[in-house]
Amino acid sequence: MSQISNNTLRQVFFLLLIILLGIILFVQLQTFIPALLGAYTLYVILRKYMFILQARYKWKKALAAALLMILSFIVILMPIFLLINMMSSKVAFAVQHSSEVLTAIKSYIRQYEVRYGFELLSAENINKLSGWAANTLPSILGATINTVTTIAVMYFILYFMLTDGRKMEAGFYDMVPLKDENVLLLRTEMNSLVYSNALGIPLIAIVQGITGLIMYLILGVKEPMFWFVITCITAMLPIVGAALAYVPIGLLFFANNEVTRGIVMLAYGFGVIGSVDNIFRFWLQKKLGDVHPLITVFGVIIGLNLFGFIGLIFGPILISMFILLIRIYTNEFANRKNPAQ
């Protein structure tokens, strides 16, 4: 029976030590993972412009990084803050006046209970709804504080990524124990997936939101810009998507005895807004990168559970990278040929 060499034992020991330390670091720093992923997303989008400012215009690294960070904040994050502010004010008002809102809802439902002779809203459900409303405002404020902290950490990490981008990429090549062509494939595919998801998902959501806004204005929906924002946000969610916006609007029309408007809204929503997603996504895949719809759907579900909002981007990437690593492993270690070729 052959003995295991000392060199192999040393390698196994160091691998176990690296894995152990990696697990410890991951557990202790998991709060900052969304910030790290967000910083990497912005780095992939901005790296080309960073290198142009340095190589062509001879800008200093710190100045170029500061300019790109400010521009990214204005172009990407400022509109998001404005939209969140618009929505949070309405949500906060509803929470602060939850008793009046619940009274109005209860009165409205009682009319239908008397008309049709059965109970829709029990006292137990009312108490649960009241408790939910009382706990909503603190959670919203807590989420806001966490978001601000995450963004601050994200830009802190992004600064060093931009200023030391070439060193970081060179270190990636040195540390990954794969063939050069597979390391290049891994980096290229990773950047392509980040780019396509970071731009593709919001663009599709905005297109669906604009498509919905047109009909909201035609039908005279109250506060159409608010529903436009709701449509954009829900369009990024898997499976149900923008239906979480236009279905409630249709139901509100039905509740107000505006049956024709309700039918038009639902027909337009399912027929046009839903179709825009598939048509625009097909076109976008040709421009930015080909990601299978199933990878997007299951990736978003996984990503939201693991990483929060940034999981919309990195969930599909996680599944795509898993498939890519299998391909790389086959290329790196297997010598068999594909019989389909």
Protein backbone atom coordinates (compact mmCIF):
# COMPACT_ATOMS: atom_id res chain seq x y z
CA MET A 1 0.00 0.00 0.00
CA SER A 2 1.53 3.31 -1.11
CA GLN A 3 1.95 6.09 1.43
CA ILE A 4 0.68 9.64 0.95
CA SER A 5 3.58 11.98 0.25
CA ASN A 6 4.46 14.82 2.60
CA ASN A 7 3.87 17.33 -0.20
CA THR A 8 0.29 16.08 -0.67
CA LEU A 9 -0.33 16.23 3.08
CA ARG A 10 0.94 19.83 3.19
CA GLN A 11 -1.35 20.78 0.30
CA VAL A 12 -4.37 19.17 2.00
CA PHE A 13 -3.53 20.93 5.28
CA PHE A 14 -3.25 24.34 3.61
CA LEU A 15 -6.44 23.79 1.62
CA LEU A 16 -8.33 22.90 4.80
CA LEU A 17 -6.85 25.93 6.56
CA ILE A 18 -7.86 28.21 3.68
CA ILE A 19 -11.39 26.77 3.65
CA LEU A 20 -11.72 27.16 7.43
CA LEU A 21 -10.55 30.77 7.39
CA GLY A 22 -12.79 31.47 4.39
CA ILE A 23 -15.83 30.15 6.26
CA ILE A 24 -14.97 32.25 9.33
CA LEU A 25 -14.54 35.39 7.22
CA PHE A 26 -17.76 34.71 5.31
CA VAL A 27 -19.80 34.24 8.50
CA GLN A 28 -18.39 37.35 10.18
CA LEU A 29 -18.60 39.59 7.11
CA GLN A 30 -21.80 38.30 5.51
CA THR A 31 -23.55 41.57 6.37
CA PHE A 32 -21.26 43.32 3.89
CA ILE A 33 -21.70 40.81 1.03
CA PRO A 34 -24.42 42.92 -0.68
CA ALA A 35 -22.08 45.93 -0.51
CA LEU A 36 -19.22 43.89 -2.01
CA LEU A 37 -21.42 42.57 -4.82
CA GLY A 38 -22.79 46.04 -5.50
CA ALA A 39 -19.26 47.46 -5.66
CA TYR A 40 -18.20 44.75 -8.10
CA THR A 41 -21.24 45.45 -10.27
CA LEU A 42 -20.38 49.14 -10.49
CA TYR A 43 -16.72 48.28 -11.10
CA VAL A 44 -17.61 46.12 -14.11
CA ILE A 45 -19.72 48.95 -15.53
CA LEU A 46 -17.16 51.71 -14.81
CA ARG A 47 -13.79 49.97 -15.36
CA LYS A 48 -13.62 50.85 -19.07
CA TYR A 49 -14.13 54.56 -18.35
CA MET A 50 -11.63 54.42 -15.49
CA PHE A 51 -8.94 53.04 -17.79
CA ILE A 52 -9.80 55.61 -20.49
CA LEU A 53 -9.45 58.52 -18.06
CA GLN A 54 -6.08 57.20 -16.90
CA ALA A 55 -4.58 56.13 -20.25
CA ARG A 56 -5.98 58.72 -22.66
CA TYR A 57 -6.45 61.80 -20.46
CA LYS A 58 -3.69 61.06 -17.89
CA TRP A 59 -5.95 61.60 -14.91
CA LYS A 60 -4.77 60.58 -11.47
CA LYS A 61 -6.36 57.42 -10.14
CA ALA A 62 -7.97 59.07 -7.13
CA LEU A 63 -9.50 61.91 -9.18
CA ALA A 64 -10.82 59.58 -11.90
CA ALA A 65 -12.31 57.23 -9.30
CA ALA A 66 -13.95 60.12 -7.44
CA LEU A 67 -15.51 61.49 -10.65
CA LEU A 68 -16.92 58.12 -11.70
CA MET A 69 -18.28 57.44 -8.21
CA ILE A 70 -20.06 60.81 -8.13
CA LEU A 71 -21.51 60.29 -11.62
CA SER A 72 -22.67 56.77 -10.76
CA PHE A 73 -24.38 58.11 -7.65
CA ILE A 74 -26.17 60.84 -9.62
CA VAL A 75 -27.16 58.69 -12.60
CA ILE A 76 -27.94 55.37 -10.86
CA LEU A 77 -28.67 55.91 -7.18
CA MET A 78 -30.22 59.38 -7.11
CA PRO A 79 -33.27 58.37 -9.20
CA ILE A 80 -33.70 55.30 -6.98
CA PHE A 81 -33.60 57.49 -3.86
CA LEU A 82 -36.22 59.84 -5.34
CA LEU A 83 -38.51 56.93 -6.20
CA ILE A 84 -38.09 55.36 -2.76
CA ASN A 85 -38.76 58.73 -1.13
CA MET A 86 -41.97 59.12 -3.13
CA MET A 87 -43.14 55.65 -2.15
CA SER A 88 -41.99 55.76 1.47
CA SER A 89 -43.93 58.97 2.12
CA LYS A 90 -47.13 57.26 0.98
CA VAL A 91 -46.35 54.09 2.93
CA ALA A 92 -45.45 56.07 6.05
CA PHE A 93 -48.70 58.06 5.78
CA ALA A 94 -50.69 54.83 5.49
CA VAL A 95 -48.91 53.33 8.50
CA GLN A 96 -49.31 56.44 10.66
CA HIS A 97 -53.02 56.55 9.82
CA SER A 98 -53.45 52.79 9.93
CA SER A 99 -56.48 52.96 12.24
CA GLU A 100 -58.37 55.23 9.83
CA VAL A 101 -57.34 53.03 6.89
CA LEU A 102 -58.48 49.87 8.70
CA THR A 103 -61.79 51.51 9.63
CA ALA A 104 -62.39 52.48 6.00
CA ILE A 105 -61.50 48.97 4.79
CA LYS A 106 -63.72 47.38 7.44
CA SER A 107 -66.66 49.62 6.50
CA TYR A 108 -66.20 48.87 2.81
CA ILE A 109 -66.06 45.09 3.38
CA ARG A 110 -69.07 45.14 5.73
CA GLN A 111 -71.18 46.47 2.86
CA TYR A 112 -70.40 43.35 0.83
CA GLU A 113 -70.88 41.09 3.84
CA VAL A 114 -74.39 42.47 4.35
CA ARG A 115 -75.12 42.27 0.62
CA TYR A 116 -73.98 38.66 0.14
CA GLY A 117 -74.64 37.30 3.63
CA PHE A 118 -71.22 35.87 4.63
CA GLU A 119 -68.24 37.03 6.68
CA LEU A 120 -65.16 38.20 4.79
CA LEU A 121 -63.17 39.83 7.59
CA SER A 122 -63.15 38.32 11.10
CA ALA A 123 -62.10 40.09 14.29
CA GLU A 124 -59.00 37.89 14.44
CA ASN A 125 -57.90 38.98 10.97
CA ILE A 126 -58.49 42.64 11.87
CA ASN A 127 -56.23 42.28 14.92
CA LYS A 128 -53.53 40.62 12.80
CA LEU A 129 -53.76 43.41 10.24
CA SER A 130 -53.48 46.04 12.97
CA GLY A 131 -50.38 44.36 14.41
CA TRP A 132 -48.81 44.17 10.97
CA ALA A 133 -49.43 47.88 10.39
CA ALA A 134 -47.96 48.81 13.77
CA ASN A 135 -44.75 46.94 13.00
CA THR A 136 -44.34 48.19 9.44
CA LEU A 137 -42.99 51.69 10.10
CA PRO A 138 -40.07 50.58 12.33
CA SER A 139 -39.10 47.96 9.77
CA ILE A 140 -39.17 50.56 6.99
CA LEU A 141 -36.95 52.90 9.01
CA GLY A 142 -34.59 50.03 9.85
CA ALA A 143 -34.37 49.02 6.21
CA THR A 144 -33.57 52.62 5.25
CA ILE A 145 -30.71 52.80 7.76
CA ASN A 146 -29.32 49.46 6.57
CA THR A 147 -29.52 50.62 2.95
CA VAL A 148 -27.58 53.81 3.67
CA THR A 149 -24.90 51.80 5.51
CA THR A 150 -24.66 49.29 2.65
CA ILE A 151 -24.28 52.07 0.07
CA ALA A 152 -21.56 53.78 2.12
CA VAL A 153 -19.60 50.52 2.44
CA MET A 154 -20.20 49.76 -1.24
CA TYR A 155 -18.62 53.04 -2.37
CA PHE A 156 -15.75 52.57 0.08
CA ILE A 157 -14.98 49.20 -1.55
CA LEU A 158 -15.59 50.58 -5.06
CA TYR A 159 -12.96 53.29 -4.57
CA PHE A 160 -10.21 50.73 -3.98
CA MET A 161 -11.48 48.53 -6.80
CA LEU A 162 -11.23 51.42 -9.24
CA THR A 163 -7.86 52.72 -8.07
CA ASP A 164 -6.29 49.24 -7.88
CA GLY A 165 -8.30 47.59 -10.66
CA ARG A 166 -5.35 46.36 -12.71
CA LYS A 167 -3.61 44.91 -9.64
CA MET A 168 -6.85 43.22 -8.58
CA GLU A 169 -7.33 41.62 -12.00
CA ALA A 170 -3.69 40.53 -12.16
CA GLY A 171 -4.02 38.97 -8.72
CA PHE A 172 -7.11 37.12 -9.91
CA TYR A 173 -5.09 35.54 -12.71
CA ASP A 174 -2.31 34.55 -10.32
CA MET A 175 -4.49 33.05 -7.58
CA VAL A 176 -7.01 31.01 -9.59
CA PRO A 177 -5.47 27.52 -10.09
CA LEU A 178 -6.69 26.99 -13.66
CA LYS A 179 -5.30 27.14 -17.17
CA ASP A 180 -4.85 30.66 -18.53
CA GLU A 181 -7.61 30.24 -21.12
CA ASN A 182 -10.05 29.04 -18.45
CA VAL A 183 -9.17 31.92 -16.13
CA LEU A 184 -9.80 34.31 -19.02
CA LEU A 185 -13.10 32.55 -19.79
CA LEU A 186 -14.16 32.76 -16.14
CA ARG A 187 -13.43 36.49 -15.90
CA THR A 188 -14.99 37.31 -19.28
CA GLU A 189 -18.17 35.34 -18.59
CA MET A 190 -18.47 36.80 -15.09
CA ASN A 191 -18.15 40.38 -16.33
CA SER A 192 -20.54 39.71 -19.21
CA LEU A 193 -23.16 38.26 -16.86
CA VAL A 194 -22.84 41.17 -14.43
CA TYR A 195 -23.10 43.68 -17.26
CA SER A 196 -26.12 42.04 -18.89
CA ASN A 197 -28.01 41.59 -15.61
CA ALA A 198 -27.12 44.97 -14.11
CA LEU A 199 -28.34 46.78 -17.24
CA GLY A 200 -30.84 44.28 -18.63
CA ILE A 201 -33.11 43.75 -15.62
CA PRO A 202 -33.65 47.48 -14.85
CA LEU A 203 -34.10 48.33 -18.55
CA ILE A 204 -36.78 45.66 -18.98
CA ALA A 205 -38.51 46.90 -15.83
CA ILE A 206 -38.47 50.52 -17.05
CA VAL A 207 -39.84 49.53 -20.47
CA GLN A 208 -42.69 47.63 -18.79
CA GLY A 209 -43.30 50.59 -16.49
CA ILE A 210 -43.52 53.03 -19.42
CA THR A 211 -45.83 50.63 -21.28
CA GLY A 212 -48.09 50.51 -18.24
CA LEU A 213 -47.92 54.28 -17.68
CA ILE A 214 -49.37 54.92 -21.14
CA MET A 215 -52.54 53.00 -20.28
CA TYR A 216 -52.67 54.43 -16.75
CA LEU A 217 -52.86 57.92 -18.27
CA ILE A 218 -55.43 56.87 -20.88
CA LEU A 219 -57.72 55.24 -18.29
CA GLY A 220 -57.31 58.09 -15.82
CA VAL A 221 -55.71 56.05 -13.03
CA LYS A 222 -55.20 58.16 -9.92
CA GLU A 223 -51.52 58.96 -9.23
CA PRO A 224 -50.19 57.30 -12.42
CA MET A 225 -46.54 58.05 -11.54
CA PHE A 226 -46.89 56.15 -8.28
CA TRP A 227 -48.24 53.13 -10.17
CA PHE A 228 -45.48 53.55 -12.75
CA VAL A 229 -42.92 53.13 -9.96
CA ILE A 230 -44.80 50.13 -8.58
CA THR A 231 -44.84 48.56 -12.06
CA CYS A 232 -41.08 49.09 -12.51
CA ILE A 233 -40.27 47.56 -9.13
CA THR A 234 -42.62 44.58 -9.41
CA ALA A 235 -41.48 43.91 -12.99
CA MET A 236 -38.10 42.85 -11.56
CA LEU A 237 -39.70 40.15 -9.41
CA PRO A 238 -39.89 36.58 -10.72
CA ILE A 239 -43.01 34.79 -12.01
CA VAL A 240 -45.73 37.32 -11.03
CA GLY A 241 -43.79 40.43 -12.06
CA ALA A 242 -45.70 43.54 -13.13
CA ALA A 243 -49.03 41.76 -12.55
CA LEU A 244 -48.64 42.89 -8.92
CA ALA A 245 -49.25 46.42 -10.23
CA TYR A 246 -51.85 46.22 -12.99
CA VAL A 247 -54.03 43.52 -11.39
CA PRO A 248 -54.75 45.65 -8.26
CA ILE A 249 -55.53 48.61 -10.55
CA GLY A 250 -58.02 46.48 -12.47
CA LEU A 251 -59.59 45.26 -9.22
CA LEU A 252 -59.90 48.84 -7.99
CA PHE A 253 -61.80 49.71 -11.16
CA PHE A 254 -64.13 46.75 -10.58
CA ALA A 255 -64.64 47.79 -6.93
CA ASN A 256 -65.70 51.26 -8.11
CA ASN A 257 -68.16 49.72 -10.61
CA GLU A 258 -65.99 50.77 -13.57
CA VAL A 259 -66.19 47.37 -15.21
CA THR A 260 -65.12 48.47 -18.71
CA ARG A 261 -61.96 50.16 -17.42
CA GLY A 262 -61.17 47.15 -15.28
CA ILE A 263 -61.48 44.75 -18.22
CA VAL A 264 -59.36 47.02 -20.44
CA MET A 265 -56.69 47.34 -17.74
CA LEU A 266 -56.41 43.60 -17.15
CA ALA A 267 -56.50 42.75 -20.87
CA TYR A 268 -53.81 45.35 -21.60
CA GLY A 269 -51.75 44.18 -18.64
CA PHE A 270 -51.72 40.49 -19.50
CA GLY A 271 -51.68 41.04 -23.26
CA VAL A 272 -49.28 43.97 -23.72
CA ILE A 273 -47.29 44.66 -20.54
CA GLY A 274 -46.58 40.96 -20.06
CA SER A 275 -45.60 40.51 -23.71
CA VAL A 276 -43.20 43.47 -23.64
CA ASP A 277 -41.08 41.55 -21.12
CA ASN A 278 -40.58 38.61 -23.50
CA ILE A 279 -40.07 40.71 -26.66
CA PHE A 280 -37.64 43.20 -25.14
CA ARG A 281 -35.77 40.49 -23.22
CA PHE A 282 -35.21 38.54 -26.48
CA TRP A 283 -33.79 41.65 -28.15
CA LEU A 284 -31.66 42.53 -25.12
CA GLN A 285 -30.15 39.05 -24.93
CA LYS A 286 -28.79 39.53 -28.44
CA LYS A 287 -27.17 42.83 -27.42
CA LEU A 288 -25.84 42.18 -23.91
CA GLY A 289 -25.67 38.43 -23.32
CA ASP A 290 -27.69 35.27 -23.70
CA VAL A 291 -29.16 34.24 -20.33
CA HIS A 292 -31.87 31.58 -20.38
CA PRO A 293 -35.20 32.77 -18.88
CA LEU A 294 -35.29 29.82 -16.46
CA ILE A 295 -31.87 30.83 -15.12
CA THR A 296 -33.20 34.35 -14.61
CA VAL A 297 -36.38 33.22 -12.81
CA PHE A 298 -34.77 30.71 -10.44
CA GLY A 299 -31.70 32.91 -10.03
CA VAL A 300 -33.77 35.87 -8.86
CA ILE A 301 -35.62 33.67 -6.36
CA ILE A 302 -32.34 32.36 -4.93
CA GLY A 303 -30.61 35.75 -5.09
CA LEU A 304 -33.30 37.64 -3.18
CA ASN A 305 -33.12 35.10 -0.35
CA LEU A 306 -29.31 35.16 -0.21
CA PHE A 307 -28.30 38.75 -0.98
CA GLY A 308 -31.42 40.93 -0.75
CA PHE A 309 -32.15 43.42 -3.53
CA ILE A 310 -28.73 43.01 -5.18
CA GLY A 311 -29.70 39.34 -5.59
CA LEU A 312 -31.79 40.41 -8.59
CA ILE A 313 -28.46 40.71 -10.40
CA PHE A 314 -26.31 38.09 -8.68
CA GLY A 315 -28.90 35.32 -8.34
CA PRO A 316 -28.91 34.52 -12.08
CA ILE A 317 -25.13 34.99 -12.09
CA LEU A 318 -24.79 32.38 -9.33
CA ILE A 319 -26.58 29.73 -11.41
CA SER A 320 -24.77 30.75 -14.60
CA MET A 321 -21.40 30.55 -12.83
CA PHE A 322 -22.25 27.09 -11.47
CA ILE A 323 -22.90 25.89 -15.03
CA LEU A 324 -19.76 27.66 -16.26
CA LEU A 325 -17.59 26.04 -13.57
CA ILE A 326 -18.83 22.61 -14.65
CA ARG A 327 -17.79 23.48 -18.21
CA ILE A 328 -14.39 24.67 -17.01
CA TYR A 329 -13.89 21.55 -14.88
CA THR A 330 -14.67 19.37 -17.91
CA ASN A 331 -12.25 21.38 -20.04
CA GLU A 332 -9.57 21.40 -17.34
CA PHE A 333 -9.58 17.76 -16.28
CA ALA A 334 -11.61 15.65 -18.73
CA ASN A 335 -10.18 14.41 -22.00
CA ARG A 336 -13.33 12.95 -23.56
CA LYS A 337 -14.95 14.42 -26.65
CA ASN A 338 -18.55 15.54 -26.99
CA PRO A 339 -20.36 12.87 -29.08
CA ALA A 340 -22.85 15.48 -30.30
CA GLN A 341 -20.10 17.31 -32.19
